[in-house]
Amino acid sequence: MCERAAGVECNDSSLAVCTSVFDNLSCVLDYNLSLGLDCESPSGDAALASAYFHALVYVLYCAIFLFALSGNGLVCYVVYSSPRMRTVTNLFIVNLAVGDILMTVFCVPFTFVTTLLLQYWPFGRFMCSTVSYSQAISVFVSAYTLVAISIDRFMAIMWPLKPRMGKRQAKVIILIVWLVALLTALPIPLVSRVGYPSHWHHTCDKGICHEIWENEEHRTIYSMVLLILQYVIPLMVLILTYSCIAVVVWGKRPPGEAENSRDQRMARSKRKMIKMMVVVVVVYTICWLPLNVLILVWESHPGIGSWSGLPFLWFAFHWLAMSHTCYNPVIYCWMNSRFRAGFSTVLHVFPNKYQGSHSQHEHSVLHRFNTSTTYLSSRREPNQSLKSVSLSERNTLYKSKSAVHYRDNQM
């Protein structure tokens, strides 16, 4: 999650004991705030209050904000500006981009401004609940959309001859993703309030936005449930589906199939798809694993709140998780030739000649597949039985459809 919090137990004589993972880091910072009641300089830690640290925070988070908004916005524009791009897979990609945009708007600016710079919440109670709820929804939408994409590809690769998911079905699944995200994160706005956990916050009348639970056990259970639903289950599904796809794609050729140029092109397409799938899983794991491990450790060992280096570690892990919104357009779109053509049209980076050659190549490949299907289906010995001829046609048709399917679904 971007930031979650529960009640914070603080006093003026000792370092605050943190009872939550995400409380704007107040558990560590509150102690620093109590060292001096300068309302204009909230942090007593010289490193946190230094201009160098603030400049670093501005540069890194602004970079995420700009790249994520421009990249994901470009993805949405490319898909909806071209009717041919409005495929089932691209609908999921657009939903993923929308989730990443939502995460960028609500997670990045509010978190780094209120947590690492101001160290208090200046936007009021309504915005506290709204922003906290939007942050949680965006994380769930992104995670579950990744799962939907992986399942769609899994079904298409495992059963290439069966009817594929239609656009209406895809829209229903997208709606379900949003409904599940809304319901799962519903407790967060109900318990999110502006509180004053330290003497500094009370004296200066500067509260923080955090979750206040009446029952500590409920907060712990809910934290673990969110961790499992947001990270553990999606990661397991991604690994399982992509592993099965890799086994099928890298499997041996069916007996009797000839090794020709078409098979070689299909093999190269399969390898490229597998590499991309591996990148998807690895990047998702790398970006979210450190922050989720910190959540787990902090929940099980609240005493780490006394470590002065915790704010810097949280900052690094949170930035890494948020940077995932920048990588998705690269992983899912830039490695796809059709999206590259769309990008070149919008940004005018590549010559228009590239688009023409790309379309001509696509047409020639389809023509060769159709010609190959007709030729191989009609090429048989005079004494070949009708049954074997029909079997040959079905096998050839399967190979042709599989080739077109792998190319069209390559990302």
Protein backbone atom coordinates (compact mmCIF):
# COMPACT_ATOMS: atom_id res chain seq x y z
CA MET A 1 0.00 0.00 0.00
CA CYS A 2 1.07 3.60 -0.32
CA GLU A 3 0.59 4.36 3.35
CA ARG A 4 -1.54 2.84 6.08
CA ALA A 5 -1.65 3.52 9.74
CA ALA A 6 -3.30 2.66 12.97
CA GLY A 7 -3.13 4.17 16.40
CA VAL A 8 0.23 5.51 17.49
CA GLU A 9 1.31 5.37 21.09
CA CYS A 10 3.66 8.26 21.80
CA ASN A 11 4.91 10.10 24.84
CA ASP A 12 7.32 12.92 25.44
CA SER A 13 9.87 10.99 27.49
CA SER A 14 10.67 8.10 25.18
CA LEU A 15 10.73 7.19 21.51
CA ALA A 16 7.30 6.42 20.09
CA VAL A 17 6.29 2.78 19.87
CA CYS A 18 4.92 2.16 16.41
CA THR A 19 1.80 0.03 16.18
CA SER A 20 1.47 0.36 12.42
CA VAL A 21 3.55 0.11 9.29
CA PHE A 22 2.42 3.25 7.48
CA ASP A 23 1.76 6.23 9.72
CA ASN A 24 3.62 8.85 7.71
CA LEU A 25 6.65 7.50 9.54
CA SER A 26 5.39 9.37 12.58
CA CYS A 27 6.55 6.66 14.93
CA VAL A 28 10.16 7.55 14.23
CA LEU A 29 9.67 11.19 13.35
CA ASP A 30 7.53 12.03 16.37
CA TYR A 31 10.50 11.55 18.63
CA ASN A 32 12.54 13.92 16.50
CA LEU A 33 9.69 16.42 16.57
CA SER A 34 9.60 16.36 20.35
CA LEU A 35 13.25 17.34 20.54
CA GLY A 36 12.39 20.90 19.53
CA LEU A 37 9.10 22.71 19.17
CA ASP A 38 9.98 24.66 16.05
CA CYS A 39 6.72 24.53 14.08
CA GLU A 40 8.45 25.71 10.92
CA SER A 41 11.09 22.96 11.05
CA PRO A 42 9.22 19.78 11.98
CA SER A 43 12.04 17.29 12.01
CA GLY A 44 14.69 17.16 14.69
CA ASP A 45 16.84 14.98 12.47
CA ALA A 46 19.33 17.15 10.60
CA ALA A 47 19.55 14.67 7.72
CA LEU A 48 15.78 14.57 7.21
CA ALA A 49 15.51 18.34 7.39
CA SER A 50 18.51 19.04 5.17
CA ALA A 51 18.10 20.76 1.84
CA TYR A 52 20.02 17.96 0.12
CA PHE A 53 17.57 15.33 1.29
CA HIS A 54 14.58 17.44 0.27
CA ALA A 55 16.13 18.07 -3.14
CA LEU A 56 16.69 14.34 -3.61
CA VAL A 57 13.09 13.58 -2.66
CA TYR A 58 11.78 16.22 -5.08
CA VAL A 59 13.87 14.97 -8.00
CA LEU A 60 13.14 11.26 -7.56
CA TYR A 61 9.41 11.55 -6.93
CA CYS A 62 8.87 14.23 -9.58
CA ALA A 63 10.63 11.95 -12.07
CA ILE A 64 8.19 9.15 -11.25
CA PHE A 65 5.24 11.53 -11.48
CA LEU A 66 6.20 12.88 -14.90
CA PHE A 67 7.28 9.60 -16.50
CA ALA A 68 4.33 7.61 -15.14
CA LEU A 69 1.72 10.15 -16.22
CA SER A 70 3.19 10.68 -19.68
CA GLY A 71 3.90 6.99 -20.32
CA ASN A 72 0.57 5.61 -19.14
CA GLY A 73 -1.34 8.50 -20.68
CA LEU A 74 0.33 7.76 -24.00
CA VAL A 75 -0.70 4.12 -23.72
CA CYS A 76 -4.36 5.08 -23.26
CA TYR A 77 -4.25 7.53 -26.15
CA VAL A 78 -2.62 5.08 -28.56
CA VAL A 79 -5.21 2.39 -27.86
CA TYR A 80 -8.31 4.56 -28.03
CA SER A 81 -7.15 6.62 -31.00
CA SER A 82 -6.91 3.52 -33.20
CA PRO A 83 -9.89 1.12 -33.53
CA ARG A 84 -7.50 -1.68 -34.58
CA MET A 85 -5.70 -1.36 -31.25
CA ARG A 86 -8.84 -1.95 -29.19
CA THR A 87 -8.21 -5.63 -28.59
CA VAL A 88 -9.00 -7.61 -25.46
CA THR A 89 -5.40 -7.59 -24.28
CA ASN A 90 -5.10 -3.88 -24.92
CA LEU A 91 -8.24 -3.23 -22.87
CA PHE A 92 -6.47 -4.82 -19.91
CA ILE A 93 -3.35 -2.81 -20.67
CA VAL A 94 -5.38 0.41 -20.65
CA ASN A 95 -6.95 -0.56 -17.34
CA LEU A 96 -3.48 -1.22 -15.98
CA ALA A 97 -2.41 2.21 -17.21
CA VAL A 98 -5.44 3.83 -15.56
CA GLY A 99 -4.61 2.09 -12.28
CA ASP A 100 -1.02 3.29 -12.52
CA ILE A 101 -2.18 6.84 -13.27
CA LEU A 102 -4.45 6.73 -10.22
CA MET A 103 -1.55 5.46 -8.13
CA THR A 104 0.71 8.19 -9.51
CA VAL A 105 -1.76 10.98 -8.75
CA PHE A 106 -2.72 9.89 -5.22
CA CYS A 107 0.32 7.99 -3.96
CA VAL A 108 3.32 9.91 -5.21
CA PRO A 109 2.63 13.60 -4.44
CA PHE A 110 0.65 13.18 -1.22
CA THR A 111 3.04 10.64 0.25
CA PHE A 112 6.32 12.37 -0.36
CA VAL A 113 5.01 15.84 0.52
CA THR A 114 3.22 14.94 3.76
CA THR A 115 5.56 12.18 4.87
CA LEU A 116 9.07 13.20 3.94
CA LEU A 117 8.82 16.97 3.58
CA LEU A 118 6.08 18.56 5.71
CA GLN A 119 5.65 15.61 8.08
CA TYR A 120 2.06 16.64 8.75
CA TRP A 121 -1.27 16.57 6.85
CA PRO A 122 -2.51 20.00 5.70
CA PHE A 123 -5.46 18.87 3.53
CA GLY A 124 -8.22 18.18 6.07
CA ARG A 125 -10.18 15.08 7.11
CA PHE A 126 -12.18 14.63 3.91
CA MET A 127 -9.06 14.53 1.76
CA CYS A 128 -7.46 12.23 4.32
CA SER A 129 -10.14 9.59 3.78
CA THR A 130 -10.38 10.19 0.04
CA VAL A 131 -6.66 10.01 -0.64
CA SER A 132 -6.13 6.97 1.60
CA TYR A 133 -8.99 5.14 -0.12
CA SER A 134 -7.77 6.07 -3.62
CA GLN A 135 -4.26 4.93 -2.79
CA ALA A 136 -5.46 1.50 -1.71
CA ILE A 137 -7.75 1.12 -4.74
CA SER A 138 -5.00 1.99 -7.19
CA VAL A 139 -2.65 -0.63 -5.77
CA PHE A 140 -5.28 -3.36 -5.97
CA VAL A 141 -6.39 -2.40 -9.49
CA SER A 142 -2.82 -2.57 -10.79
CA ALA A 143 -2.10 -5.90 -9.12
CA TYR A 144 -5.33 -7.59 -10.22
CA THR A 145 -5.08 -6.26 -13.76
CA LEU A 146 -1.68 -7.92 -14.04
CA VAL A 147 -3.34 -11.13 -12.93
CA ALA A 148 -6.14 -10.71 -15.50
CA ILE A 149 -3.58 -10.21 -18.29
CA SER A 150 -1.63 -13.29 -17.27
CA ILE A 151 -4.78 -15.45 -17.14
CA ASP A 152 -5.93 -14.17 -20.54
CA ARG A 153 -2.59 -15.08 -22.08
CA PHE A 154 -2.54 -18.42 -20.27
CA MET A 155 -5.90 -19.42 -21.74
CA ALA A 156 -4.95 -18.20 -25.21
CA ILE A 157 -1.66 -20.15 -25.22
CA MET A 158 -2.98 -23.32 -23.61
CA TRP A 159 -6.11 -23.54 -25.78
CA PRO A 160 -5.33 -21.61 -28.99
CA LEU A 161 -8.20 -23.12 -31.02
CA LYS A 162 -10.92 -22.35 -28.52
CA PRO A 163 -12.84 -19.07 -28.79
CA ARG A 164 -10.94 -16.28 -27.14
CA MET A 165 -12.29 -13.88 -24.57
CA GLY A 166 -14.44 -11.18 -26.16
CA LYS A 167 -14.37 -7.46 -25.47
CA ARG A 168 -17.61 -7.66 -23.50
CA GLN A 169 -16.16 -10.35 -21.25
CA ALA A 170 -13.00 -8.34 -20.81
CA LYS A 171 -15.02 -5.28 -19.75
CA VAL A 172 -16.92 -7.41 -17.24
CA ILE A 173 -13.65 -8.69 -15.77
CA ILE A 174 -12.32 -5.13 -15.57
CA LEU A 175 -15.49 -4.09 -13.74
CA ILE A 176 -15.04 -7.00 -11.32
CA VAL A 177 -11.44 -5.92 -10.70
CA TRP A 178 -12.58 -2.44 -9.71
CA LEU A 179 -15.42 -3.75 -7.53
CA VAL A 180 -13.09 -6.11 -5.67
CA ALA A 181 -10.60 -3.28 -5.17
CA LEU A 182 -13.33 -0.95 -3.88
CA LEU A 183 -14.69 -3.54 -1.43
CA THR A 184 -11.31 -4.75 -0.20
CA ALA A 185 -10.11 -1.24 0.59
CA LEU A 186 -13.44 -0.08 2.07
CA PRO A 187 -12.32 -0.22 5.75
CA ILE A 188 -9.51 2.26 5.07
CA PRO A 189 -11.61 5.44 4.59
CA LEU A 190 -13.76 4.43 7.57
CA VAL A 191 -10.81 4.48 9.96
CA SER A 192 -8.68 7.20 8.34
CA ARG A 193 -8.63 10.40 10.38
CA VAL A 194 -6.43 13.37 11.11
CA GLY A 195 -4.73 12.75 14.45
CA TYR A 196 -2.21 14.44 16.73
CA PRO A 197 0.08 11.68 17.98
CA SER A 198 2.82 13.83 19.55
CA HIS A 199 3.32 16.92 21.66
CA TRP A 200 4.66 18.76 18.62
CA HIS A 201 1.51 18.01 16.58
CA HIS A 202 -0.77 19.19 19.41
CA THR A 203 1.19 22.34 20.12
CA CYS A 204 1.58 23.36 16.51
CA ASP A 205 -1.92 22.16 15.54
CA LYS A 206 -0.56 20.12 12.68
CA GLY A 207 -2.06 16.64 12.51
CA ILE A 208 -1.23 13.60 10.41
CA CYS A 209 -3.51 11.45 8.29
CA HIS A 210 -3.52 7.94 9.68
CA GLU A 211 -5.79 5.05 10.53
CA ILE A 212 -7.23 4.85 14.03
CA TRP A 213 -8.48 1.37 14.93
CA GLU A 214 -10.39 0.66 18.12
CA ASN A 215 -9.10 -2.90 18.16
CA GLU A 216 -5.39 -3.50 17.60
CA GLU A 217 -5.98 -7.14 16.69
CA HIS A 218 -8.35 -6.13 13.90
CA ARG A 219 -5.75 -3.77 12.51
CA THR A 220 -3.09 -6.47 12.48
CA ILE A 221 -5.39 -8.99 10.79
CA TYR A 222 -6.45 -6.47 8.18
CA SER A 223 -2.82 -5.55 7.49
CA MET A 224 -1.93 -9.18 6.86
CA VAL A 225 -4.98 -9.71 4.66
CA LEU A 226 -4.03 -6.71 2.54
CA LEU A 227 -0.47 -7.97 2.21
CA ILE A 228 -1.70 -11.35 1.00
CA LEU A 229 -4.32 -9.97 -1.39
CA GLN A 230 -2.20 -7.18 -2.81
CA TYR A 231 1.12 -8.98 -3.24
CA VAL A 232 1.33 -12.66 -2.31
CA ILE A 233 -1.64 -14.03 -4.28
CA PRO A 234 -1.03 -11.93 -7.43
CA LEU A 235 2.64 -12.92 -7.43
CA MET A 236 1.80 -16.61 -7.09
CA VAL A 237 -0.70 -16.41 -9.95
CA LEU A 238 1.81 -14.58 -12.16
CA ILE A 239 4.52 -17.15 -11.52
CA LEU A 240 2.16 -20.10 -12.04
CA THR A 241 0.56 -18.87 -15.27
CA TYR A 242 3.76 -17.66 -16.89
CA SER A 243 5.60 -20.84 -15.89
CA CYS A 244 2.93 -22.96 -17.56
CA ILE A 245 3.09 -20.77 -20.66
CA ALA A 246 6.85 -21.11 -20.78
CA VAL A 247 6.60 -24.90 -20.60
CA VAL A 248 4.14 -24.96 -23.51
CA VAL A 249 6.04 -22.46 -25.62
CA TRP A 250 9.40 -24.11 -25.05
CA GLY A 251 7.97 -27.61 -25.45
CA LYS A 252 9.06 -29.99 -28.15
CA ARG A 253 7.56 -29.78 -31.61
CA PRO A 254 4.71 -32.20 -32.34
CA PRO A 255 5.93 -35.34 -34.15
CA GLY A 256 5.94 -35.08 -37.93
CA GLU A 257 6.19 -31.30 -38.15
CA ALA A 258 8.84 -30.01 -40.48
CA GLU A 259 11.35 -27.41 -39.39
CA ASN A 260 10.96 -24.53 -41.85
CA SER A 261 11.33 -20.77 -41.87
CA ARG A 262 7.82 -20.31 -40.49
CA ASP A 263 8.58 -22.53 -37.52
CA GLN A 264 11.75 -20.59 -36.90
CA ARG A 265 9.85 -17.30 -36.92
CA MET A 266 7.31 -18.73 -34.50
CA ALA A 267 10.12 -19.96 -32.26
CA ARG A 268 11.70 -16.51 -32.18
CA SER A 269 8.32 -14.99 -31.36
CA LYS A 270 7.84 -17.48 -28.54
CA ARG A 271 11.26 -16.72 -27.06
CA LYS A 272 10.57 -13.00 -27.16
CA MET A 273 7.24 -13.55 -25.42
CA ILE A 274 8.85 -15.65 -22.69
CA LYS A 275 11.53 -13.03 -22.08
CA MET A 276 8.85 -10.41 -21.69
CA MET A 277 6.87 -12.57 -19.28
CA VAL A 278 9.95 -13.12 -17.17
CA VAL A 279 10.55 -9.36 -17.13
CA VAL A 280 6.97 -8.77 -15.98
CA VAL A 281 7.29 -11.10 -13.00
CA VAL A 282 10.81 -10.04 -12.07
CA VAL A 283 10.08 -6.29 -12.21
CA TYR A 284 6.85 -6.67 -10.23
CA THR A 285 8.67 -8.73 -7.61
CA ILE A 286 11.68 -6.44 -7.33
CA CYS A 287 9.62 -3.27 -7.07
CA TRP A 288 7.15 -4.43 -4.41
CA LEU A 289 9.07 -7.08 -2.47
CA PRO A 290 11.26 -4.78 -0.29
CA LEU A 291 8.33 -2.61 0.85
CA ASN A 292 6.14 -5.63 1.61
CA VAL A 293 8.95 -7.31 3.53
CA LEU A 294 9.33 -4.12 5.56
CA ILE A 295 5.59 -4.21 6.25
CA LEU A 296 5.82 -7.79 7.47
CA VAL A 297 8.87 -7.14 9.66
CA TRP A 298 7.39 -3.97 11.10
CA GLU A 299 4.12 -5.71 11.95
CA SER A 300 5.90 -8.60 13.68
CA HIS A 301 8.64 -6.50 15.33
CA PRO A 302 7.32 -3.02 16.20
CA GLY A 303 10.56 -2.30 18.04
CA ILE A 304 12.33 -1.42 14.80
CA GLY A 305 10.54 1.91 15.06
CA SER A 306 13.35 3.02 17.34
CA TRP A 307 15.90 2.77 14.54
CA SER A 308 16.85 6.22 13.27
CA GLY A 309 17.56 4.92 9.77
CA LEU A 310 14.02 3.64 9.28
CA PRO A 311 12.70 6.79 7.51
CA PHE A 312 15.44 6.55 4.90
CA LEU A 313 14.86 2.84 4.36
CA TRP A 314 11.12 3.41 4.02
CA PHE A 315 11.77 6.22 1.56
CA ALA A 316 13.94 3.99 -0.63
CA PHE A 317 11.49 1.08 -0.60
CA HIS A 318 8.46 3.28 -1.18
CA TRP A 319 10.12 5.02 -4.11
CA LEU A 320 11.02 1.65 -5.64
CA ALA A 321 7.40 0.45 -5.34
CA MET A 322 6.05 3.65 -6.86
CA SER A 323 8.55 3.48 -9.71
CA HIS A 324 6.73 0.37 -10.93
CA THR A 325 4.18 2.70 -12.52
CA CYS A 326 6.92 3.91 -14.88
CA TYR A 327 8.05 0.47 -16.01
CA ASN A 328 4.67 -0.90 -17.07
CA PRO A 329 4.41 1.13 -20.29
CA VAL A 330 7.90 -0.02 -21.21
CA ILE A 331 7.27 -3.68 -20.47
CA TYR A 332 3.80 -4.02 -21.93
CA CYS A 333 3.90 -1.51 -24.74
CA TRP A 334 7.32 -0.51 -25.91
CA MET A 335 8.28 -4.10 -26.71
CA ASN A 336 5.20 -4.44 -28.90
CA SER A 337 5.69 -3.41 -32.54
CA ARG A 338 2.16 -2.05 -32.88
CA PHE A 339 2.52 0.16 -29.83
CA ARG A 340 5.88 1.33 -31.12
CA ALA A 341 4.17 2.38 -34.34
CA GLY A 342 1.54 4.22 -32.29
CA PHE A 343 4.20 5.92 -30.20
CA SER A 344 6.07 7.02 -33.29
CA THR A 345 2.91 8.53 -34.72
CA VAL A 346 2.19 10.51 -31.56
CA LEU A 347 5.73 11.54 -30.69
CA HIS A 348 7.07 11.72 -34.27
CA VAL A 349 10.20 9.98 -33.10
CA PHE A 350 10.48 7.53 -35.94
CA PRO A 351 9.92 8.17 -39.65
CA ASN A 352 6.48 7.41 -41.04
CA LYS A 353 8.17 4.99 -43.36
CA TYR A 354 8.55 2.60 -40.45
CA GLN A 355 4.80 2.31 -40.04
CA GLY A 356 4.34 1.55 -43.72
CA SER A 357 7.02 -1.12 -43.74
CA HIS A 358 5.58 -2.60 -40.54
CA SER A 359 2.07 -2.85 -42.01
CA GLN A 360 3.44 -4.29 -45.24
CA HIS A 361 5.39 -6.86 -43.25
CA GLU A 362 2.31 -7.85 -41.26
CA HIS A 363 0.30 -8.25 -44.48
CA SER A 364 3.01 -10.31 -46.17
CA VAL A 365 3.35 -12.60 -43.17
CA LEU A 366 -0.41 -13.21 -43.08
CA HIS A 367 -0.38 -13.83 -46.84
CA ARG A 368 2.43 -16.37 -46.50
CA PHE A 369 0.55 -18.15 -43.70
CA ASN A 370 -2.62 -18.36 -45.77
CA THR A 371 -0.71 -19.53 -48.84
CA SER A 372 1.16 -22.10 -46.78
CA THR A 373 -2.10 -23.40 -45.35
CA THR A 374 -3.66 -23.83 -48.78
CA TYR A 375 -0.56 -25.42 -50.25
CA LEU A 376 0.09 -27.91 -47.45
CA SER A 377 -3.57 -28.87 -47.21
CA SER A 378 -3.78 -29.73 -50.92
CA ARG A 379 -0.38 -31.41 -51.17
CA ARG A 380 -0.95 -35.15 -50.68
CA GLU A 381 -0.35 -38.51 -52.35
CA PRO A 382 -3.03 -39.85 -54.76
CA ASN A 383 -3.71 -42.85 -52.54
CA GLN A 384 -3.99 -40.86 -49.35
CA SER A 385 -7.24 -41.53 -47.51
CA LEU A 386 -9.85 -38.85 -46.96
CA LYS A 387 -9.41 -39.19 -43.22
CA SER A 388 -5.69 -38.50 -43.36
CA VAL A 389 -6.29 -35.56 -45.68
CA SER A 390 -8.76 -34.05 -43.19
CA LEU A 391 -6.28 -34.62 -40.37
CA SER A 392 -3.55 -32.88 -42.36
CA GLU A 393 -5.82 -29.91 -42.97
CA ARG A 394 -6.68 -29.64 -39.29
CA ASN A 395 -3.00 -29.86 -38.26
CA THR A 396 -2.00 -27.26 -40.81
CA LEU A 397 -4.84 -24.98 -39.77
CA TYR A 398 -3.77 -25.37 -36.15
CA LYS A 399 -0.23 -24.39 -36.99
CA SER A 400 -1.36 -21.38 -39.01
CA LYS A 401 -3.75 -20.14 -36.32
CA SER A 402 -1.11 -20.68 -33.65
CA ALA A 403 1.41 -18.65 -35.63
CA VAL A 404 -0.98 -15.76 -36.11
CA HIS A 405 -2.04 -16.01 -32.47
CA TYR A 406 1.52 -15.84 -31.14
CA ARG A 407 2.31 -12.83 -33.30
CA ASP A 408 -0.88 -10.93 -32.46
CA ASN A 409 -0.50 -11.52 -28.73
CA GLN A 410 3.17 -10.78 -28.55
CA MET A 411 3.86 -7.81 -26.27
